[in-house]
Structure formats: C-alpha cells, structure tokens
C-alpha atoms as a PDB file:
ATOM      1  CA  MET A   1     -17.849  43.115 -19.376  1.00  0.00           C
ATOM      2  CA  GLN A   2     -14.289  43.785 -18.128  1.00  0.00           C
ATOM      3  CA  GLY A   3     -15.315  42.497 -14.694  1.00  0.00           C
ATOM      4  CA  SER A   4     -16.652  39.263 -16.203  1.00  0.00           C
ATOM      5  CA  LYS A   5     -13.357  38.648 -18.009  1.00  0.00           C
ATOM      6  CA  ILE A   6     -11.395  39.173 -14.793  1.00  0.00           C
ATOM      7  CA  PHE A   7     -13.688  36.803 -12.915  1.00  0.00           C
ATOM      8  CA  ALA A   8     -13.379  34.159 -15.668  1.00  0.00           C
ATOM      9  CA  PHE A   9      -9.570  34.470 -15.618  1.00  0.00           C
ATOM     10  CA  PHE A  10      -9.318  33.999 -11.865  1.00  0.00           C
ATOM     11  CA  PHE A  11     -11.824  31.120 -11.886  1.00  0.00           C
ATOM     12  CA  THR A  12      -9.825  29.312 -14.594  1.00  0.00           C
ATOM     13  CA  PHE A  13      -6.595  29.924 -12.677  1.00  0.00           C
ATOM     14  CA  LEU A  14      -8.127  28.569  -9.460  1.00  0.00           C
ATOM     15  CA  VAL A  15      -9.356  25.360 -11.159  1.00  0.00           C
ATOM     16  CA  ALA A  16      -5.979  24.764 -12.808  1.00  0.00           C
ATOM     17  CA  PHE A  17      -4.078  25.416  -9.567  1.00  0.00           C
ATOM     18  CA  SER A  18      -6.339  23.015  -7.618  1.00  0.00           C
ATOM     19  CA  ALA A  19      -5.824  20.250 -10.182  1.00  0.00           C
ATOM     20  CA  ILE A  20      -2.031  20.656 -10.102  1.00  0.00           C
ATOM     21  CA  HIS A  21      -2.003  20.833  -6.314  1.00  0.00           C
ATOM     22  CA  PHE A  22      -4.029  17.618  -6.013  1.00  0.00           C
ATOM     23  CA  ALA A  23      -1.882  15.789  -8.570  1.00  0.00           C
ATOM     24  CA  ILE A  24       1.268  16.657  -6.624  1.00  0.00           C
ATOM     25  CA  LEU A  25      -0.020  15.716  -3.198  1.00  0.00           C
ATOM     26  CA  LYS A  26      -2.092  12.678  -4.105  1.00  0.00           C
ATOM     27  CA  PRO A  27       0.043   9.647  -3.273  1.00  0.00           C
ATOM     28  CA  GLU A  28      -1.868   7.122  -5.396  1.00  0.00           C
ATOM     29  CA  GLY A  29      -4.927   6.334  -7.461  1.00  0.00           C
ATOM     30  CA  ILE A  30      -8.025   4.339  -6.552  1.00  0.00           C
ATOM     31  CA  ASN A  31     -10.136   1.269  -7.169  1.00  0.00           C
ATOM     32  CA  ILE A  32      -7.950  -1.849  -7.179  1.00  0.00           C
ATOM     33  CA  PHE A  33     -10.831  -4.257  -7.906  1.00  0.00           C
ATOM     34  CA  ASP A  34     -13.165  -3.535 -10.786  1.00  0.00           C
ATOM     35  CA  SER A  35     -14.280  -7.043 -11.835  1.00  0.00           C
ATOM     36  CA  ALA A  36     -17.740  -8.497 -11.249  1.00  0.00           C
ATOM     37  CA  VAL A  37     -16.284 -10.737  -8.536  1.00  0.00           C
ATOM     38  CA  PHE A  38     -15.636  -7.663  -6.444  1.00  0.00           C
ATOM     39  CA  SER A  39     -18.652  -5.618  -7.487  1.00  0.00           C
ATOM     40  CA  SER A  40     -19.636  -5.181  -3.845  1.00  0.00           C
ATOM     41  CA  ILE A  41     -16.166  -3.993  -2.843  1.00  0.00           C
ATOM     42  CA  SER A  42     -14.972  -0.468  -3.481  1.00  0.00           C
ATOM     43  CA  LEU A  43     -11.321  -0.565  -2.501  1.00  0.00           C
ATOM     44  CA  PRO A  44      -9.548   2.762  -2.876  1.00  0.00           C
ATOM     45  CA  THR A  45      -5.875   2.233  -2.106  1.00  0.00           C
ATOM     46  CA  PHE A  46      -2.786   4.348  -2.201  1.00  0.00           C
ATOM     47  CA  GLY A  47       0.571   2.598  -2.459  1.00  0.00           C
ATOM     48  CA  SER A  48       3.073   5.317  -3.168  1.00  0.00           C
ATOM     49  CA  ASP A  49       6.346   6.020  -1.463  1.00  0.00           C
ATOM     50  CA  LEU A  50       7.655   9.351  -2.708  1.00  0.00           C
ATOM     51  CA  LYS A  51      11.387   9.460  -2.007  1.00  0.00           C
ATOM     52  CA  ASN A  52      11.513  13.216  -1.455  1.00  0.00           C
ATOM     53  CA  GLU A  53       8.547  13.413   0.912  1.00  0.00           C
ATOM     54  CA  LYS A  54       9.487  15.596   3.892  1.00  0.00           C
ATOM     55  CA  LYS A  55       9.795  13.913   7.278  1.00  0.00           C
ATOM     56  CA  ALA A  56       7.514  15.080  10.066  1.00  0.00           C
ATOM     57  CA  SER A  57       9.395  17.104  12.685  1.00  0.00           C
ATOM     58  CA  VAL A  58       7.719  15.553  15.699  1.00  0.00           C
ATOM     59  CA  PRO A  59       9.011  13.831  18.846  1.00  0.00           C
ATOM     60  CA  SER A  60       9.988  10.178  18.798  1.00  0.00           C
ATOM     61  CA  LYS A  61       8.413   7.419  20.879  1.00  0.00           C
ATOM     62  CA  LYS A  62       8.880   3.733  21.577  1.00  0.00           C
ATOM     63  CA  SER A  63       6.826   1.260  19.545  1.00  0.00           C
ATOM     64  CA  LYS A  64       6.083  -1.949  21.450  1.00  0.00           C
ATOM     65  CA  GLY A  65       9.206  -1.413  23.528  1.00  0.00           C
ATOM     66  CA  LYS A  66      11.643  -2.465  20.806  1.00  0.00           C
ATOM     67  CA  ARG A  67      11.482  -0.012  17.887  1.00  0.00           C
ATOM     68  CA  THR A  68      11.742   3.779  17.827  1.00  0.00           C
ATOM     69  CA  TYR A  69       9.706   5.780  15.335  1.00  0.00           C
ATOM     70  CA  LYS A  70       8.667   9.389  15.038  1.00  0.00           C
ATOM     71  CA  LYS A  71       5.330  10.178  16.650  1.00  0.00           C
ATOM     72  CA  LYS A  72       2.348  10.624  14.349  1.00  0.00           C
ATOM     73  CA  SER A  73       0.896  14.100  13.899  1.00  0.00           C
ATOM     74  CA  SER A  74      -2.615  15.211  12.945  1.00  0.00           C
ATOM     75  CA  ILE A  75      -4.158  16.534   9.740  1.00  0.00           C
ATOM     76  CA  ASN A  76      -7.064  18.935  10.190  1.00  0.00           C
ATOM     77  CA  GLY A  77      -7.556  17.498  13.653  1.00  0.00           C
ATOM     78  CA  TYR A  78      -7.606  13.877  12.464  1.00  0.00           C
ATOM     79  CA  GLU A  79      -5.390  11.520  14.452  1.00  0.00           C
ATOM     80  CA  PRO A  80      -4.543   8.111  12.944  1.00  0.00           C
ATOM     81  CA  PHE A  81      -5.696   5.208  15.084  1.00  0.00           C
ATOM     82  CA  VAL A  82      -5.253   1.445  15.195  1.00  0.00           C
ATOM     83  CA  VAL A  83      -7.979  -0.526  13.387  1.00  0.00           C
ATOM     84  CA  ASP A  84      -6.396  -3.997  13.282  1.00  0.00           C
ATOM     85  CA  ASN A  85      -3.369  -5.939  14.449  1.00  0.00           C
ATOM     86  CA  TYR A  86      -1.601  -8.800  12.721  1.00  0.00           C
ATOM     87  CA  ASN A  87       0.955 -10.821  14.682  1.00  0.00           C
ATOM     88  CA  GLY A  88       1.548  -7.921  17.027  1.00  0.00           C
ATOM     89  CA  VAL A  89       1.956  -5.267  14.287  1.00  0.00           C
ATOM     90  CA  ASP A  90      -0.674  -2.524  14.203  1.00  0.00           C
ATOM     91  CA  VAL A  91      -2.739  -1.556  11.158  1.00  0.00           C
ATOM     92  CA  TYR A  92      -3.705   2.134  11.123  1.00  0.00           C
ATOM     93  CA  SER A  93      -6.517   4.208   9.724  1.00  0.00           C
ATOM     94  CA  ASN A  94      -5.254   7.440   8.202  1.00  0.00           C
ATOM     95  CA  GLY A  95      -8.681   8.923   7.427  1.00  0.00           C
ATOM     96  CA  LYS A  96      -8.736  10.021   3.792  1.00  0.00           C
ATOM     97  CA  GLU A  97      -6.797   7.704   1.505  1.00  0.00           C
ATOM     98  CA  THR A  98      -4.605  10.605   0.411  1.00  0.00           C
ATOM     99  CA  ASN A  99      -3.567  11.596   3.945  1.00  0.00           C
ATOM    100  CA  VAL A 100       0.141  11.261   4.658  1.00  0.00           C
ATOM    101  CA  PHE A 101       1.456  11.757   8.194  1.00  0.00           C
ATOM    102  CA  GLY A 102       5.126  12.143   7.359  1.00  0.00           C
ATOM    103  CA  ARG A 103       7.681   9.474   6.618  1.00  0.00           C
ATOM    104  CA  ASN A 104       8.167   6.596   9.039  1.00  0.00           C
ATOM    105  CA  THR A 105      11.765   5.564   9.650  1.00  0.00           C
ATOM    106  CA  THR A 106      13.370   3.238  12.181  1.00  0.00           C
ATOM    107  CA  ALA A 107      15.936   4.268  14.776  1.00  0.00           C
ATOM    108  CA  ASP A 108      18.733   3.089  12.485  1.00  0.00           C
ATOM    109  CA  GLY A 109      17.415   5.124   9.549  1.00  0.00           C
ATOM    110  CA  TYR A 110      15.657   2.424   7.531  1.00  0.00           C
ATOM    111  CA  ASN A 111      12.773   3.831   5.481  1.00  0.00           C
ATOM    112  CA  LEU A 112       9.406   2.217   6.235  1.00  0.00           C
ATOM    113  CA  GLY A 113       7.347   4.500   4.009  1.00  0.00           C
ATOM    114  CA  LEU A 114       4.709   7.196   4.221  1.00  0.00           C
ATOM    115  CA  ARG A 115       2.301   6.993   7.142  1.00  0.00           C
ATOM    116  CA  TYR A 116      -0.187   5.309   6.805  1.00  0.00           C
ATOM    117  CA  GLN A 117      -0.150   4.071   3.266  1.00  0.00           C
ATOM    118  CA  CYS A 118      -0.211   0.383   2.325  1.00  0.00           C
ATOM    119  CA  VAL A 119       3.540   0.295   1.659  1.00  0.00           C
ATOM    120  CA  GLU A 120       4.322   1.541   5.166  1.00  0.00           C
ATOM    121  CA  PHE A 121       2.395  -1.289   6.833  1.00  0.00           C
ATOM    122  CA  VAL A 122       3.913  -4.171   4.893  1.00  0.00           C
ATOM    123  CA  LYS A 123       7.467  -2.871   5.326  1.00  0.00           C
ATOM    124  CA  ARG A 124       6.904  -2.188   9.014  1.00  0.00           C
ATOM    125  CA  TYR A 125       5.478  -5.695   9.421  1.00  0.00           C
ATOM    126  CA  TYR A 126       8.442  -7.337   7.681  1.00  0.00           C
ATOM    127  CA  TYR A 127      10.851  -5.223   9.731  1.00  0.00           C
ATOM    128  CA  GLU A 128       9.233  -5.990  13.079  1.00  0.00           C
ATOM    129  CA  HIS A 129       8.118  -9.575  12.484  1.00  0.00           C
ATOM    130  CA  TYR A 130      10.984 -10.872  10.326  1.00  0.00           C
ATOM    131  CA  ASN A 131      13.674  -8.250  11.033  1.00  0.00           C
ATOM    132  CA  HIS A 132      13.763  -7.871   7.249  1.00  0.00           C
ATOM    133  CA  LYS A 133      15.102  -4.836   5.407  1.00  0.00           C
ATOM    134  CA  MET A 134      14.589  -4.364   1.691  1.00  0.00           C
ATOM    135  CA  PRO A 135      17.768  -3.333  -0.172  1.00  0.00           C
ATOM    136  CA  ASN A 136      15.583  -0.950  -2.164  1.00  0.00           C
ATOM    137  CA  SER A 137      13.680   0.760   0.643  1.00  0.00           C
ATOM    138  CA  TYR A 138      11.711   3.086  -1.665  1.00  0.00           C
ATOM    139  CA  GLY A 139       9.222   2.627  -4.454  1.00  0.00           C
ATOM    140  CA  HIS A 140       5.497   2.491  -5.088  1.00  0.00           C
ATOM    141  CA  ALA A 141       3.544  -0.676  -4.352  1.00  0.00           C
ATOM    142  CA  LYS A 142       3.624  -1.725  -8.024  1.00  0.00           C
ATOM    143  CA  GLU A 143       7.434  -1.523  -7.967  1.00  0.00           C
ATOM    144  CA  PHE A 144       7.689  -4.315  -5.415  1.00  0.00           C
ATOM    145  CA  PHE A 145       7.126  -6.739  -8.299  1.00  0.00           C
ATOM    146  CA  ASP A 146       9.847  -7.216 -10.935  1.00  0.00           C
ATOM    147  CA  TYR A 147       8.136  -8.159 -14.211  1.00  0.00           C
ATOM    148  CA  ASN A 148      11.445  -9.290 -15.708  1.00  0.00           C
ATOM    149  CA  LEU A 149      11.734 -12.246 -13.313  1.00  0.00           C
ATOM    150  CA  SER A 150      10.407 -15.731 -13.955  1.00  0.00           C
ATOM    151  CA  ASP A 151       8.198 -17.537 -11.449  1.00  0.00           C
ATOM    152  CA  GLY A 152      10.120 -18.480  -8.308  1.00  0.00           C
ATOM    153  CA  SER A 153      13.091 -16.185  -8.974  1.00  0.00           C
ATOM    154  CA  TYR A 154      14.871 -14.055  -6.394  1.00  0.00           C
ATOM    155  CA  ASN A 155      13.847 -10.387  -6.284  1.00  0.00           C
ATOM    156  CA  SER A 156      17.108  -8.731  -5.245  1.00  0.00           C
ATOM    157  CA  GLY A 157      15.572  -5.291  -4.788  1.00  0.00           C
ATOM    158  CA  ARG A 158      13.250  -6.613  -2.077  1.00  0.00           C
ATOM    159  CA  ALA A 159      15.441  -9.558  -0.954  1.00  0.00           C
ATOM    160  CA  LEU A 160      12.457 -11.867  -1.359  1.00  0.00           C
ATOM    161  CA  SER A 161      11.448 -14.770  -3.592  1.00  0.00           C
ATOM    162  CA  GLN A 162       8.923 -13.749  -6.240  1.00  0.00           C
ATOM    163  CA  TYR A 163       6.024 -15.764  -7.635  1.00  0.00           C
ATOM    164  CA  ARG A 164       3.797 -14.871 -10.546  1.00  0.00           C
ATOM    165  CA  ASN A 165       0.011 -15.155 -10.557  1.00  0.00           C
ATOM    166  CA  PRO A 166      -0.670 -17.945 -11.468  1.00  0.00           C
ATOM    167  CA  SER A 167       2.273 -19.856  -9.973  1.00  0.00           C
ATOM    168  CA  TYR A 168       3.376 -23.405  -9.268  1.00  0.00           C
ATOM    169  CA  SER A 169       3.967 -22.258  -5.684  1.00  0.00           C
ATOM    170  CA  ARG A 170       0.886 -22.005  -3.485  1.00  0.00           C
ATOM    171  CA  PRO A 171       0.502 -18.655  -1.689  1.00  0.00           C
ATOM    172  CA  GLN A 172       1.528 -18.800   1.967  1.00  0.00           C
ATOM    173  CA  GLU A 173       0.658 -16.873   5.095  1.00  0.00           C
ATOM    174  CA  GLY A 174       3.045 -13.950   5.416  1.00  0.00           C
ATOM    175  CA  ASP A 175       3.534 -13.480   1.660  1.00  0.00           C
ATOM    176  CA  LEU A 176       3.223  -9.984   0.239  1.00  0.00           C
ATOM    177  CA  ILE A 177       0.494  -9.876  -2.399  1.00  0.00           C
ATOM    178  CA  ILE A 178       1.045  -7.296  -5.128  1.00  0.00           C
ATOM    179  CA  PHE A 179      -1.598  -5.509  -7.194  1.00  0.00           C
ATOM    180  CA  GLY A 180      -0.487  -3.865 -10.414  1.00  0.00           C
ATOM    181  CA  PRO A 181      -1.538  -0.411 -11.615  1.00  0.00           C
ATOM    182  CA  THR A 182      -4.952   0.289 -13.091  1.00  0.00           C
ATOM    183  CA  PRO A 183      -6.308   3.193 -15.150  1.00  0.00           C
ATOM    184  CA  SER A 184      -7.568   4.803 -11.935  1.00  0.00           C
ATOM    185  CA  ASN A 185      -4.623   3.816  -9.749  1.00  0.00           C
ATOM    186  CA  GLY A 186      -1.194   4.164 -11.254  1.00  0.00           C
ATOM    187  CA  TYR A 187       0.654   3.138  -8.099  1.00  0.00           C
ATOM    188  CA  GLY A 188      -0.700  -0.335  -7.347  1.00  0.00           C
ATOM    189  CA  HIS A 189      -1.367  -1.814  -3.931  1.00  0.00           C
ATOM    190  CA  VAL A 190       0.362  -4.212  -1.558  1.00  0.00           C
ATOM    191  CA  ALA A 191      -0.971  -6.253   1.363  1.00  0.00           C
ATOM    192  CA  ILE A 192      -0.021  -9.290   3.458  1.00  0.00           C
ATOM    193  CA  ILE A 193      -1.602 -12.719   3.066  1.00  0.00           C
ATOM    194  CA  CYS A 194      -2.815 -13.689   6.529  1.00  0.00           C
ATOM    195  CA  GLU A 195      -4.810 -16.862   5.787  1.00  0.00           C
ATOM    196  CA  VAL A 196      -4.757 -19.555   3.096  1.00  0.00           C
ATOM    197  CA  SER A 197      -7.265 -22.356   2.483  1.00  0.00           C
ATOM    198  CA  ASN A 198      -8.043 -24.598  -0.482  1.00  0.00           C
ATOM    199  CA  GLU A 199     -10.695 -22.151  -1.677  1.00  0.00           C
ATOM    200  CA  HIS A 200      -9.409 -18.692  -0.818  1.00  0.00           C
ATOM    201  CA  ILE A 201      -6.701 -16.469   0.551  1.00  0.00           C
ATOM    202  CA  GLN A 202      -7.276 -13.627   2.984  1.00  0.00           C
ATOM    203  CA  PHE A 203      -5.094 -10.540   3.039  1.00  0.00           C
ATOM    204  CA  VAL A 204      -4.701  -7.803   5.630  1.00  0.00           C
ATOM    205  CA  GLN A 205      -4.186  -4.274   4.343  1.00  0.00           C
ATOM    206  CA  GLN A 206      -3.631  -0.722   5.444  1.00  0.00           C
ATOM    207  CA  ASN A 207      -5.238   2.251   3.698  1.00  0.00           C
ATOM    208  CA  GLY A 208      -7.843   0.193   1.873  1.00  0.00           C
ATOM    209  CA  GLY A 209     -10.388   3.003   2.100  1.00  0.00           C
ATOM    210  CA  PRO A 210     -12.797   4.066   4.887  1.00  0.00           C
ATOM    211  CA  ASN A 211     -15.644   1.884   3.586  1.00  0.00           C
ATOM    212  CA  ASN A 212     -13.667  -1.332   3.329  1.00  0.00           C
ATOM    213  CA  PRO A 213     -12.437  -3.840   5.916  1.00  0.00           C
ATOM    214  CA  THR A 214      -8.779  -4.351   6.705  1.00  0.00           C
ATOM    215  CA  ARG A 215      -9.125  -8.047   5.801  1.00  0.00           C
ATOM    216  CA  ILE A 216     -10.568  -9.321   2.534  1.00  0.00           C
ATOM    217  CA  ASN A 217     -11.061 -12.852   1.174  1.00  0.00           C
ATOM    218  CA  VAL A 218     -10.182 -13.577  -2.461  1.00  0.00           C
ATOM    219  CA  PRO A 219     -10.898 -16.902  -4.260  1.00  0.00           C
ATOM    220  CA  LEU A 220      -7.964 -19.253  -4.862  1.00  0.00           C
ATOM    221  CA  ASP A 221      -8.039 -21.636  -7.813  1.00  0.00           C
ATOM    222  CA  TYR A 222      -5.853 -24.650  -8.613  1.00  0.00           C
ATOM    223  CA  ASN A 223      -5.716 -25.691 -12.253  1.00  0.00           C
ATOM    224  CA  ASN A 224      -3.122 -27.462 -14.431  1.00  0.00           C
ATOM    225  CA  GLY A 225      -0.667 -27.567 -11.543  1.00  0.00           C
ATOM    226  CA  LYS A 226      -0.812 -23.841 -10.863  1.00  0.00           C
ATOM    227  CA  TYR A 227      -2.372 -21.711  -8.135  1.00  0.00           C
ATOM    228  CA  GLU A 228      -4.179 -18.547  -9.163  1.00  0.00           C
ATOM    229  CA  VAL A 229      -5.599 -15.836  -6.928  1.00  0.00           C
ATOM    230  CA  LEU A 230      -8.767 -14.769  -8.748  1.00  0.00           C
ATOM    231  CA  GLY A 231      -8.690 -11.008  -8.410  1.00  0.00           C
ATOM    232  CA  LYS A 232      -8.072  -8.534 -11.221  1.00  0.00           C
ATOM    233  CA  HIS A 233      -4.669  -6.855 -11.251  1.00  0.00           C
ATOM    234  CA  ILE A 234      -3.092  -9.316  -8.772  1.00  0.00           C
ATOM    235  CA  VAL A 235       0.304  -9.857 -10.400  1.00  0.00           C
ATOM    236  CA  GLY A 236       1.918 -12.132  -7.810  1.00  0.00           C
ATOM    237  CA  TRP A 237       3.357 -12.559  -4.327  1.00  0.00           C
ATOM    238  CA  LEU A 238       6.709 -12.190  -2.577  1.00  0.00           C
ATOM    239  CA  ARG A 239       8.050 -14.470   0.153  1.00  0.00           C
ATOM    240  CA  LYS A 240      10.640 -14.264   2.900  1.00  0.00           C
END
C-alpha cells in the first residue's frame, strides 16, 4: 500500500510538472479559423514574441548578401528549411508549431522575433523589403493591432496605418493581416497579404502548421461602402 502511495505521488508530480513545462515553453495557442467557411482548414499558428527569450549562441551568416543574422540551429535533429518565398524573402518551416530556434536579430540589433514563428516572418519581410523598423519591436501577433484606434488611424507602436475589419479602405498587397486571440490561441496570428482581387485576398504565412499551405485564400466582401475579409477573428490590417 505504501508503494502505491509513493507511485501515485510521483505520477501526479510528473503530470503537473509536464503541464507547467509545456505552458512555459509553448509560444502560442492553436486553431485560428473555426468557422464553417474554413472547416477544411486546420490552421495551428503561434504568434508570440517573448521578450526574455534567450538568443541562440550560434555563428552569424549573411542573408541574401545584405543582412546579417545568427545562423539557425537544430531541435532534436530538425533543421528549419525554406518552404516559400515572397518578394525575395524566405518563408521557413520550423517543424512543430511550438519549435523556437532562438531569437532573430539584425546586425544593428533590431529584434525580428523568434525563429520561425509568424511574427518573425512579417517583421523580417518589412525590414528587408521596406527597410521598416517597428518602434515597438516586441509583442505577440495580437498586439500588432491597437483596438483603441479608429479605422485609418496611425499605429505609432508599429509605425503603420491601421484599418479595421470591415474598413472603408480596401486591403492591399503588402498589408499585414492580423488575427485576434481565440479560446485555443491566446496570442493571435499575423501574415502578409500577397494578392487581392474583387472576390478574395490571399495571405502568405509562416508557422501555419505542418498540414496547411503557406498561402491561403480568404473571401473578400464589399457592402455598404466597406470591405470585409470574411474570416473569423480577422480584426484588421496594417499598411506601410
């Protein structure tokens, strides 16, 4: 009987320790889309950017001959690899959605985010393609959007114009599209709009989950003078 009590104690301790360990290391939640429109899409995404995440102590290398970043490392033998490219900026697969390969910073110390979460891609794209730095270089994906601003206002933390969903301003290629938190994902998600038509927008994303494409089409509606991207939890878009 004494042995059973000891076993039960250690089993309970192990379960509790595993839960705490996962909660600390897990950068984000999952399942951005849960409406019937996206019933065929399971899109686990992780949009965190933990300010105190330790940087990887690995050698640096040149990226496309013009930027210097720290070299990626491996996790349990998994090496991130390029799965897409948008306007010359690579989109990486990081394996499991919770994998983080250190913090990515530029040669001048600007924080790009945790490799290879969704936040890291959009900030790296804006840095390389637009030479844009966000005054607030940290924050989860959901924190890119300032809910206190009216449609078309200037988001000073990101140094970008902000538009609500729906908005009088039609989404444009290059806009950041922001997904708010959900019960299963408290950190939100962020991607880049790469195509706009009268019927849909397409966005390109990093860390959208191993079973999902890097590019996804979402319906676009125009009604009463406003444009609405018809996906649950899409709160708006930011523009350079």
